[in-house]
C-alpha cells in the first residue's frame, strides 16, 4: 500500500486522519457537510501507515453515528469498478470495518451493505468476517450460495475453497454452511474443511529447516540461503546454533561474525549477543561500521536485546555517537538505564525528533523511556510528538509518558484522549482526565455504557465513577 498523504495537524482532516480525540471534538462543532467530507475522505483513503495494527474503524464509526452520516460514499467506493482490478485488502478493509461497527450499533443500512459486498465484492472474506460477528443465522445462510459460487467445482476450485475455509478468521459462517439443509452446500463445505485439515497436518509432518546433527557451517549456509530467497532467517538460525554449537566452535562463530556472508554474520552476531559473549560488543561495533544494511540492522537488534550490566555500560559509552549505534545505545538506556542516564535519553529523544521527525521508529522506545525515567523537562518534546505524529500508537505512548512527566496532562491532552482512536490511549485518559471538566464526566458515562468499548477502558472508567454516576 502507498504511503498516505497526511494533512497538517491543525486541520480537521489532519486531526481525523491521526485519529486524535480533538478530531471528533472539532468535527462535532464544524459545519456538518465539512465534517462528513473529511470523515469520508479518511474512511475511503485509509490514512494509517500500518493499517494492520493501528485502530481507526470504531473511531470513525462513532463519528458517523454522532453526525448521523449517510453511507452513500462508502457504497460507491465499495462497488466501483476499481474493486474488480484492485483486490488489495487495504483498499476496502477500513470501510468494511467501519460498516461492521455501525451494524453492531444497529445501523441496518450498514448491515445490508456488508451483505451485498460479501456476495459480490472482491474483499468478500473481510465482509464475511464482519458479518460473522454481527449478522443472524438467516442472514449468513443466505450468503452460502453466492460465496460458494465464487469457487469452481473443478479440482483447482475445490482447492481454493479448502484454503478459504482453512484460513477463515471467523469460522461461524462455514460451520453454519456445513450443517446447511441444502446438500449442495453442506457437502462442499464439509469436504473443504476436511481437505484443509489434511493440508495443515501435511505441513506439520514436513517441517523445513535445520535437523538434529547439523553442523555450525550448515546452519550458516541455511541462513544465507534464506537471504537469497528474500527471507531473513538469522534469528531462528541463531537459536539453532545454541543447540548445535559447542565450545570448540567458538573460533568459527567469531570468524563468521567478523567477515562471513551476510547470513552467517547476522546469525553469529545474534548468537554471540544472546550468549553475552565478551567479544560481542567489538564485533557489533565492527559490523555497524563495515557491514551491509542487513548486517547493520541485525547487529543493532542483537545489541538492543542484551540485558547485562556490561551492555548498559557500553551503551553509556556509545550513546553520544552520531550514528545508528549511538541511536541504539540511546534506546537501550531508555529501556534499562537509571536516573543518571536521563540526560542521555533526553538528548537521544531530541536528536531523533530533530533529525527524523515525529514519526521516527526510534521514538517508540525513547518515548517509553522518557516516561519510565520521569524526565519532566522532556514534556515539550513529548507534546510535539503527540500533536504531530501520524502514528496513533506512538501518540498513545506519548500520552502515557506525558501522564508521568507533565503536570498539565490531566486537564489538557488527557481530556481529548477520551475520544482517541486507540483503546489504550482512552484507558490512560480514563485514569487521568480531570473530572472537573463537564465534558469528561459525560464522556466517561458514555464509555461506561457503550457495549463496543474495550473491557480495559471500561474498567478504568469505573475506577473513576461509581455505578450511580454512570447511570445518571
Protein backbone atom coordinates (compact mmCIF):
# COMPACT_ATOMS: atom_id res chain seq x y z
CA UNK A 1 0.00 0.00 0.00
CA UNK A 2 1.26 3.50 -0.84
CA UNK A 3 2.12 5.90 1.98
CA UNK A 4 -0.89 8.09 2.71
CA UNK A 5 -0.70 11.86 2.49
CA UNK A 6 -1.40 13.26 5.94
CA UNK A 7 -2.80 16.78 6.25
CA UNK A 8 -1.34 19.25 8.77
CA UNK A 9 -2.19 18.52 12.38
CA UNK A 10 -4.01 21.82 12.82
CA UNK A 11 -6.69 20.98 10.23
CA UNK A 12 -9.86 18.98 10.75
CA UNK A 13 -8.77 16.44 8.14
CA UNK A 14 -5.33 16.11 9.73
CA UNK A 15 -6.85 15.51 13.17
CA UNK A 16 -9.24 12.86 11.84
CA UNK A 17 -6.52 11.13 9.84
CA UNK A 18 -4.42 10.85 13.00
CA UNK A 19 -7.38 9.54 14.99
CA UNK A 20 -6.97 12.23 17.64
CA UNK A 21 -9.73 12.94 20.10
CA UNK A 22 -9.67 16.57 19.05
CA UNK A 23 -10.69 15.38 15.58
CA UNK A 24 -14.04 14.21 16.90
CA UNK A 25 -14.50 17.30 19.09
CA UNK A 26 -13.75 19.65 16.17
CA UNK A 27 -15.94 17.67 13.76
CA UNK A 28 -18.92 17.96 16.09
CA UNK A 29 -18.63 21.75 16.09
CA UNK A 30 -17.77 22.18 12.40
CA UNK A 31 -20.39 22.53 9.63
CA UNK A 32 -21.87 19.06 9.14
CA UNK A 33 -21.07 18.90 5.41
CA UNK A 34 -17.43 19.79 6.06
CA UNK A 35 -17.14 17.22 8.86
CA UNK A 36 -18.70 14.45 6.76
CA UNK A 37 -16.44 15.27 3.80
CA UNK A 38 -13.34 14.92 5.99
CA UNK A 39 -14.70 11.76 7.60
CA UNK A 40 -15.45 10.10 4.25
CA UNK A 41 -12.00 11.09 2.97
CA UNK A 42 -10.43 9.17 5.87
CA UNK A 43 -12.62 6.08 5.53
CA UNK A 44 -12.17 5.79 1.76
CA UNK A 45 -8.43 6.64 1.75
CA UNK A 46 -7.05 4.77 4.72
CA UNK A 47 -4.66 7.21 6.46
CA UNK A 48 -2.81 4.63 8.55
CA UNK A 49 0.86 3.95 7.86
CA UNK A 50 0.37 0.46 9.37
CA UNK A 51 -3.22 -0.47 8.61
CA UNK A 52 -2.88 -3.92 10.18
CA UNK A 53 -2.01 -2.54 13.62
CA UNK A 54 -3.47 0.92 14.13
CA UNK A 55 -7.13 1.36 15.05
CA UNK A 56 -9.49 3.73 13.28
CA UNK A 57 -12.69 1.83 12.49
CA UNK A 58 -14.52 2.27 15.82
CA UNK A 59 -13.36 5.89 15.99
CA UNK A 60 -14.81 6.68 12.54
CA UNK A 61 -17.97 4.64 13.16
CA UNK A 62 -18.72 6.56 16.34
CA UNK A 63 -18.33 9.84 14.48
CA UNK A 64 -20.65 8.59 11.71
CA UNK A 65 -23.24 7.95 14.42
CA UNK A 66 -22.74 11.34 16.06
CA UNK A 67 -23.10 13.10 12.70
CA UNK A 68 -25.88 10.78 11.52
CA UNK A 69 -23.80 10.31 8.40
CA UNK A 70 -25.09 8.73 5.21
CA UNK A 71 -23.28 5.76 3.66
CA UNK A 72 -23.63 6.77 0.01
CA UNK A 73 -19.92 7.47 -0.50
CA UNK A 74 -18.87 4.23 1.19
CA UNK A 75 -21.31 2.32 -1.01
CA UNK A 76 -19.94 3.96 -4.16
CA UNK A 77 -16.37 3.17 -3.08
CA UNK A 78 -17.12 -0.50 -2.40
CA UNK A 79 -18.94 -1.15 -5.64
CA UNK A 80 -16.96 0.98 -8.08
CA UNK A 81 -15.17 -0.71 -10.97
CA UNK A 82 -11.79 -0.45 -9.19
CA UNK A 83 -12.96 -3.21 -6.87
CA UNK A 84 -12.51 -5.68 -9.71
CA UNK A 85 -8.95 -4.63 -10.54
CA UNK A 86 -7.56 -3.56 -7.14
CA UNK A 87 -8.20 -6.50 -4.84
CA UNK A 88 -5.83 -5.44 -2.06
CA UNK A 89 -7.49 -5.62 1.36
CA UNK A 90 -6.15 -2.17 2.20
CA UNK A 91 -8.45 -0.55 -0.39
CA UNK A 92 -11.69 -1.59 1.28
CA UNK A 93 -10.73 -3.03 4.67
CA UNK A 94 -11.24 0.15 6.70
CA UNK A 95 -14.61 0.88 5.08
CA UNK A 96 -15.80 -2.67 5.79
CA UNK A 97 -14.64 -2.49 9.41
CA UNK A 98 -16.47 0.82 9.88
CA UNK A 99 -19.63 -0.77 8.46
CA UNK A 100 -19.19 -3.65 10.87
CA UNK A 101 -19.15 -1.33 13.87
CA UNK A 102 -22.11 0.63 12.52
CA UNK A 103 -24.03 -2.62 12.12
CA UNK A 104 -23.30 -3.52 15.75
CA UNK A 105 -24.76 -0.14 16.73
CA UNK A 106 -27.96 -1.04 14.90
CA UNK A 107 -27.45 0.68 11.55
CA UNK A 108 -29.45 -1.56 9.23
CA UNK A 109 -28.11 0.17 6.12
CA UNK A 110 -24.56 -0.81 7.14
CA UNK A 111 -25.60 -4.44 7.62
CA UNK A 112 -27.24 -4.54 4.18
CA UNK A 113 -24.14 -3.05 2.56
CA UNK A 114 -21.95 -5.70 4.15
CA UNK A 115 -24.26 -8.45 2.91
CA UNK A 116 -24.24 -7.09 -0.64
CA UNK A 117 -20.47 -6.74 -0.68
CA UNK A 118 -19.91 -10.22 0.79
CA UNK A 119 -21.99 -11.59 -2.08
CA UNK A 120 -20.27 -9.70 -4.91
CA UNK A 121 -17.18 -7.78 -3.75
CA UNK A 122 -13.56 -8.81 -4.20
CA UNK A 123 -12.75 -8.44 -0.49
CA UNK A 124 -15.69 -10.65 0.37
CA UNK A 125 -13.82 -12.61 3.06
CA UNK A 126 -13.35 -9.47 5.18
CA UNK A 127 -17.02 -8.56 4.83
CA UNK A 128 -17.97 -12.11 5.79
CA UNK A 129 -15.82 -11.90 8.92
CA UNK A 130 -17.60 -8.66 9.90
CA UNK A 131 -20.96 -10.32 9.36
CA UNK A 132 -19.92 -13.40 11.32
CA UNK A 133 -19.73 -11.19 14.41
CA UNK A 134 -22.93 -9.22 13.80
CA UNK A 135 -25.42 -10.94 11.48
CA UNK A 136 -28.03 -13.52 12.41
CA UNK A 137 -28.04 -17.12 11.18
CA UNK A 138 -30.60 -16.44 8.47
CA UNK A 139 -28.53 -13.61 7.00
CA UNK A 140 -25.40 -15.75 6.93
CA UNK A 141 -27.16 -18.76 5.42
CA UNK A 142 -28.41 -16.56 2.58
CA UNK A 143 -24.79 -15.88 1.63
CA UNK A 144 -23.81 -19.52 1.25
CA UNK A 145 -24.80 -19.82 -2.40
CA UNK A 146 -23.14 -16.61 -3.69
CA UNK A 147 -19.95 -17.29 -1.74
CA UNK A 148 -19.64 -20.90 -2.89
CA UNK A 149 -20.37 -19.81 -6.46
CA UNK A 150 -17.03 -17.96 -6.40
CA UNK A 151 -15.25 -21.31 -6.46
CA UNK A 152 -15.32 -23.58 -9.47
CA UNK A 153 -16.22 -27.22 -8.95
CA UNK A 154 -13.05 -28.49 -10.65
CA UNK A 155 -10.06 -29.65 -8.54
CA UNK A 156 -8.43 -26.22 -8.63
CA UNK A 157 -11.61 -24.51 -7.45
CA UNK A 158 -12.15 -27.02 -4.66
CA UNK A 159 -8.55 -26.49 -3.52
CA UNK A 160 -9.16 -22.73 -3.38
CA UNK A 161 -12.35 -23.33 -1.39
CA UNK A 162 -10.48 -25.57 1.06
CA UNK A 163 -7.87 -22.84 1.55
CA UNK A 164 -10.59 -20.25 2.17
CA UNK A 165 -12.26 -22.44 4.80
CA UNK A 166 -8.93 -23.27 6.43
CA UNK A 167 -7.76 -19.65 6.61
CA UNK A 168 -11.07 -18.03 7.61
CA UNK A 169 -10.60 -15.63 10.52
CA UNK A 170 -14.16 -16.18 11.76
CA UNK A 171 -15.35 -19.80 11.30
CA UNK A 172 -19.02 -19.25 12.20
CA UNK A 173 -20.41 -18.91 8.63
CA UNK A 174 -18.57 -22.02 7.45
CA UNK A 175 -19.87 -24.03 10.41
CA UNK A 176 -23.40 -22.92 9.63
CA UNK A 177 -22.98 -23.85 5.98
CA UNK A 178 -21.55 -27.26 6.90
CA UNK A 179 -24.93 -28.03 8.51
CA UNK A 180 -26.99 -26.40 5.76
CA UNK A 181 -30.04 -28.46 4.73
CA UNK A 182 -29.10 -27.96 1.08
CA UNK A 183 -26.86 -30.90 0.27
CA UNK A 184 -25.10 -28.98 -2.49
CA UNK A 185 -23.89 -26.50 0.14
CA UNK A 186 -23.14 -28.71 3.14
CA UNK A 187 -21.34 -31.41 1.14
CA UNK A 188 -18.91 -28.94 -0.46
CA UNK A 189 -18.17 -27.11 2.79
CA UNK A 190 -17.58 -30.32 4.77
CA UNK A 191 -15.27 -31.67 2.08
CA UNK A 192 -13.37 -28.37 2.00
CA UNK A 193 -12.99 -28.44 5.78
CA UNK A 194 -11.62 -31.98 5.72
CA UNK A 195 -9.17 -31.09 2.94
CA UNK A 196 -7.97 -28.03 4.85
CA UNK A 197 -7.35 -30.08 7.99
CA UNK A 198 -5.39 -32.64 5.96
CA UNK A 199 -3.28 -29.91 4.33
CA UNK A 200 -2.42 -28.48 7.74
CA UNK A 201 -1.43 -31.94 9.00
CA UNK A 202 0.79 -32.48 5.94
CA UNK A 203 2.61 -29.20 6.54
CA UNK A 204 3.25 -30.16 10.15
CA UNK A 205 4.66 -33.51 9.04
CA UNK A 206 7.07 -31.85 6.58
CA UNK A 207 8.91 -29.24 8.64
CA UNK A 208 11.57 -27.27 6.80
CA UNK A 209 14.86 -26.07 8.21
CA UNK A 210 17.70 -27.46 10.32
CA UNK A 211 17.67 -31.01 11.62
CA UNK A 212 19.43 -32.53 14.63
CA UNK A 213 23.05 -33.22 13.80
CA UNK A 214 23.57 -30.17 11.63
CA UNK A 215 26.98 -28.52 11.86
CA UNK A 216 27.64 -24.85 12.59
CA UNK A 217 28.57 -24.34 8.94
CA UNK A 218 25.31 -25.95 7.81
CA UNK A 219 23.34 -23.51 9.95
CA UNK A 220 25.26 -20.59 8.45
CA UNK A 221 24.55 -21.87 4.94
CA UNK A 222 20.85 -22.25 5.72
CA UNK A 223 20.71 -18.64 6.95
CA UNK A 224 22.43 -17.43 3.76
CA UNK A 225 20.05 -19.43 1.57
CA UNK A 226 17.18 -17.65 3.32
CA UNK A 227 18.61 -14.26 2.42
CA UNK A 228 18.97 -15.34 -1.19
CA UNK A 229 15.27 -16.28 -1.18
CA UNK A 230 14.33 -12.95 0.39
CA UNK A 231 13.72 -14.33 3.90
CA UNK A 232 15.79 -13.24 6.91
CA UNK A 233 16.45 -16.44 8.90
CA UNK A 234 19.27 -15.31 11.16
CA UNK A 235 17.06 -15.25 14.25
CA UNK A 236 15.93 -18.90 14.06
CA UNK A 237 19.41 -19.80 12.83
CA UNK A 238 20.92 -18.30 15.98
CA UNK A 239 18.59 -20.44 18.06
CA UNK A 240 19.78 -23.46 16.08
CA UNK A 241 23.38 -22.55 16.88
CA UNK A 242 22.52 -22.68 20.56
CA UNK A 243 21.58 -26.32 20.06
CA UNK A 244 24.43 -27.44 17.80
CA UNK A 245 27.45 -25.29 18.77
CA UNK A 246 29.96 -26.31 21.41
CA UNK A 247 32.96 -24.52 22.95
CA UNK A 248 35.17 -25.85 20.17
CA UNK A 249 33.03 -23.99 17.59
CA UNK A 250 33.58 -20.53 19.08
CA UNK A 251 36.51 -19.59 16.76
CA UNK A 252 34.39 -20.41 13.69
CA UNK A 253 31.49 -18.34 15.02
CA UNK A 254 33.78 -15.40 15.83
CA UNK A 255 35.24 -15.55 12.33
CA UNK A 256 31.76 -15.57 10.79
CA UNK A 257 30.74 -12.57 12.90
CA UNK A 258 33.78 -10.69 11.65
CA UNK A 259 33.71 -11.29 7.90
CA UNK A 260 31.26 -14.07 6.99
CA UNK A 261 28.45 -13.90 4.47
CA UNK A 262 25.51 -11.71 5.42
CA UNK A 263 23.51 -14.70 6.65
CA UNK A 264 26.39 -16.17 8.65
CA UNK A 265 27.46 -12.81 10.05
CA UNK A 266 23.96 -11.87 11.17
CA UNK A 267 23.44 -15.29 12.73
CA UNK A 268 26.77 -15.24 14.56
CA UNK A 269 26.21 -11.74 15.93
CA UNK A 270 22.79 -12.71 17.24
CA UNK A 271 24.17 -15.88 18.82
CA UNK A 272 27.10 -14.07 20.48
CA UNK A 273 24.88 -11.29 21.83
CA UNK A 274 22.34 -13.74 23.23
CA UNK A 275 25.21 -15.66 24.84
CA UNK A 276 26.67 -12.48 26.39
CA UNK A 277 29.99 -13.33 24.77
CA UNK A 278 32.69 -10.83 25.82
CA UNK A 279 33.70 -10.25 22.19
CA UNK A 280 30.14 -9.42 21.08
CA UNK A 281 30.44 -5.66 21.64
CA UNK A 282 33.53 -5.17 19.50
CA UNK A 283 32.09 -7.35 16.74
CA UNK A 284 28.80 -5.44 16.79
CA UNK A 285 30.69 -2.15 16.52
CA UNK A 286 32.70 -3.54 13.61
CA UNK A 287 29.55 -4.80 11.88
CA UNK A 288 27.89 -1.38 12.11
CA UNK A 289 30.99 0.19 10.55
CA UNK A 290 31.62 -2.34 7.76
CA UNK A 291 28.53 -4.47 7.26
CA UNK A 292 25.76 -4.37 4.67
CA UNK A 293 22.45 -2.74 5.65
CA UNK A 294 21.08 -6.17 6.57
CA UNK A 295 24.07 -6.94 8.79
CA UNK A 296 23.92 -3.50 10.41
CA UNK A 297 20.25 -4.00 11.27
CA UNK A 298 20.96 -7.46 12.68
CA UNK A 299 23.88 -6.10 14.75
CA UNK A 300 21.78 -3.29 16.22
CA UNK A 301 18.89 -5.63 17.01
CA UNK A 302 21.27 -8.07 18.66
CA UNK A 303 22.79 -5.33 20.81
CA UNK A 304 19.42 -3.96 21.90
CA UNK A 305 18.35 -7.42 23.05
CA UNK A 306 21.21 -7.63 25.53
CA UNK A 307 20.27 -7.11 29.17
CA UNK A 308 23.58 -7.37 31.01
CA UNK A 309 25.20 -4.67 33.12
CA UNK A 310 28.11 -4.70 30.66
CA UNK A 311 25.72 -3.91 27.80
CA UNK A 312 24.28 -0.92 29.65
CA UNK A 313 27.78 0.34 30.44
CA UNK A 314 28.75 0.02 26.79
CA UNK A 315 25.55 1.88 25.81
CA UNK A 316 26.60 4.80 28.02
CA UNK A 317 29.83 4.98 26.08
CA UNK A 318 28.14 4.77 22.69
CA UNK A 319 25.10 6.98 23.36
CA UNK A 320 26.70 10.21 22.11
CA UNK A 321 27.78 8.70 18.79
CA UNK A 322 26.08 10.39 15.81
CA UNK A 323 25.32 7.10 14.04
CA UNK A 324 22.87 4.18 14.23
CA UNK A 325 24.88 2.56 17.04
CA UNK A 326 24.52 5.73 19.11
CA UNK A 327 20.77 5.70 18.48
CA UNK A 328 20.58 2.04 19.54
CA UNK A 329 22.53 2.89 22.69
CA UNK A 330 20.03 5.63 23.50
CA UNK A 331 17.17 3.18 23.11
CA UNK A 332 18.89 0.69 25.39
CA UNK A 333 19.33 3.32 28.08
CA UNK A 334 15.67 4.28 27.66
CA UNK A 335 14.77 0.67 28.46
CA UNK A 336 17.40 -0.24 31.05
CA UNK A 337 19.13 2.94 32.20
CA UNK A 338 18.81 4.62 35.57
CA UNK A 339 18.21 8.17 36.71
CA UNK A 340 21.79 9.13 35.88
CA UNK A 341 21.03 8.36 32.22
CA UNK A 342 18.21 10.89 31.92
CA UNK A 343 20.31 13.44 30.06
CA UNK A 344 21.47 10.86 27.53
CA UNK A 345 17.93 9.63 26.88
CA UNK A 346 16.61 13.18 26.57
CA UNK A 347 19.40 14.06 24.14
CA UNK A 348 18.59 10.97 22.07
CA UNK A 349 14.89 11.93 22.04
CA UNK A 350 15.59 15.46 20.91
CA UNK A 351 18.06 14.34 18.26
CA UNK A 352 15.62 11.79 16.86
CA UNK A 353 12.83 14.38 16.53
CA UNK A 354 15.22 16.94 15.07
CA UNK A 355 16.82 14.55 12.60
CA UNK A 356 13.99 12.18 11.63
CA UNK A 357 10.76 13.94 12.57
CA UNK A 358 7.83 12.98 14.82
CA UNK A 359 7.26 9.61 13.14
CA UNK A 360 10.75 8.16 13.54
CA UNK A 361 10.59 4.46 14.55
CA UNK A 362 13.26 5.05 17.20
CA UNK A 363 10.88 7.34 19.09
CA UNK A 364 8.70 4.49 20.32
CA UNK A 365 11.35 3.22 22.71
CA UNK A 366 12.68 6.67 23.58
CA UNK A 367 9.24 7.99 24.46
CA UNK A 368 8.59 5.00 26.70
CA UNK A 369 11.93 5.51 28.39
CA UNK A 370 11.26 9.19 28.94
CA UNK A 371 8.11 8.32 30.83
CA UNK A 372 9.77 5.48 32.72
CA UNK A 373 12.58 7.75 33.91
CA UNK A 374 10.21 10.63 34.67
CA UNK A 375 12.12 13.21 32.62
CA UNK A 376 9.97 16.26 33.38
CA UNK A 377 11.86 18.64 31.09
CA UNK A 378 11.03 16.35 28.14
CA UNK A 379 7.35 17.35 28.27
CA UNK A 380 7.60 19.98 25.49
CA UNK A 381 9.16 17.43 23.11
CA UNK A 382 6.55 14.84 24.07
CA UNK A 383 3.75 17.34 23.40
CA UNK A 384 5.21 18.00 19.95
CA UNK A 385 5.32 14.28 19.19
CA UNK A 386 1.76 13.87 20.48
CA UNK A 387 0.45 16.62 18.20
CA UNK A 388 2.38 15.85 15.05
CA UNK A 389 2.87 12.09 14.74
CA UNK A 390 0.70 10.27 12.24
CA UNK A 391 1.02 7.06 14.28
CA UNK A 392 -1.80 6.62 16.75
CA UNK A 393 0.30 4.05 18.63
CA UNK A 394 3.19 6.48 19.08
CA UNK A 395 0.73 9.18 20.17
CA UNK A 396 -0.59 6.79 22.81
CA UNK A 397 2.93 6.18 24.08
CA UNK A 398 3.48 9.93 24.20
CA UNK A 399 0.28 10.31 26.21
CA UNK A 400 1.48 7.69 28.69
CA UNK A 401 4.82 9.47 29.02
CA UNK A 402 3.10 12.83 29.46
CA UNK A 403 0.97 11.38 32.24
CA UNK A 404 4.23 10.64 34.07
CA UNK A 405 6.06 13.88 33.28
CA UNK A 406 3.58 16.71 32.57
CA UNK A 407 1.53 18.14 35.48
CA UNK A 408 -0.88 19.72 32.98
CA UNK A 409 -1.74 16.40 31.30
CA UNK A 410 -4.88 15.74 33.38
CA UNK A 411 -6.51 19.00 32.31
CA UNK A 412 -5.01 19.10 28.82
CA UNK A 413 -4.35 16.23 26.46
CA UNK A 414 -5.97 13.66 28.76
CA UNK A 415 -9.37 15.23 28.07
CA UNK A 416 -9.17 14.82 24.29
CA UNK A 417 -7.65 11.34 24.72
CA UNK A 418 -11.07 10.14 25.91
CA UNK A 419 -12.13 10.35 22.24
CA UNK A 420 -8.89 8.87 20.82
CA UNK A 421 -8.96 6.05 18.27
CA UNK A 422 -6.72 3.73 20.33
CA UNK A 423 -8.28 1.93 23.28
CA UNK A 424 -5.01 2.01 25.24
CA UNK A 425 -4.96 5.81 24.92
CA UNK A 426 -8.59 6.05 26.04
CA UNK A 427 -7.68 3.89 29.02
CA UNK A 428 -4.86 6.28 30.01
CA UNK A 429 -7.27 9.19 29.69
CA UNK A 430 -9.93 7.46 31.76
CA UNK A 431 -7.43 7.09 34.59
CA UNK A 432 -6.05 10.65 34.47
CA UNK A 433 -8.55 13.11 32.94
CA UNK A 434 -9.69 15.77 35.40
CA UNK A 435 -13.36 15.18 36.19
CA UNK A 436 -13.94 18.85 36.98
CA UNK A 437 -14.47 19.26 33.23
CA UNK A 438 -18.13 18.56 32.40
CA UNK A 439 -17.10 17.01 29.06
CA UNK A 440 -15.01 14.43 30.92
CA UNK A 441 -17.84 13.26 33.16
CA UNK A 442 -20.25 12.93 30.24
CA UNK A 443 -17.71 11.08 28.14
CA UNK A 444 -16.89 8.67 30.96
CA UNK A 445 -20.60 7.88 31.32
CA UNK A 446 -20.89 7.22 27.60
CA UNK A 447 -17.84 4.95 27.51
CA UNK A 448 -19.15 3.02 30.52
CA UNK A 449 -22.44 2.33 28.72
CA UNK A 450 -21.03 1.60 25.24
CA UNK A 451 -21.08 -2.16 24.51
CA UNK A 452 -18.44 -1.69 21.80
CA UNK A 453 -15.90 -0.27 24.23
CA UNK A 454 -12.98 -2.43 25.33
CA UNK A 455 -13.16 -4.03 28.77
CA UNK A 456 -9.89 -2.42 29.91
CA UNK A 457 -11.25 1.05 29.14
CA UNK A 458 -14.48 0.38 30.96
CA UNK A 459 -12.58 -0.93 33.98
CA UNK A 460 -10.58 2.31 34.05
CA UNK A 461 -13.80 4.32 33.70
CA UNK A 462 -15.44 2.50 36.59
CA UNK A 463 -12.44 3.26 38.77
CA UNK A 464 -13.26 6.97 38.32
CA UNK A 465 -17.07 6.97 38.56
CA UNK A 466 -19.41 4.96 40.73
CA UNK A 467 -22.40 2.99 39.43
CA UNK A 468 -24.79 5.75 40.45
CA UNK A 469 -22.84 8.31 38.46
CA UNK A 470 -22.67 6.06 35.39
CA UNK A 471 -26.44 5.62 35.41
CA UNK A 472 -27.20 9.34 35.56
